[in-house]
């Protein structure tokens, strides 16, 4: 983080579709974003995530559930990093 904003992000997601994918477009969009806006931004990128990750229905869950969980876990992970890097 620089000046309380996201910077130098590296994100990848696996176990949703045919192969793990790096989320470079989302990484770029997160640059300069304040921590309070992370959840909104990830939520707005559901179409991008669905197209890139190509979630599939299987015994572990539906494609919609996997996409929902990917968004939730990405948001939680990013918010956790911002809290741990916040100045004291």
Foldseek 3Di string as FASTA:
>chain_A
DPPQADDDDWDWDAPFADGIDTDVVLNVVRGRHHLVCLLVSLVVCLVVCCVVRVGDADPVHHNVVSSVVVSVVVNVVSSVVSVVPPDD
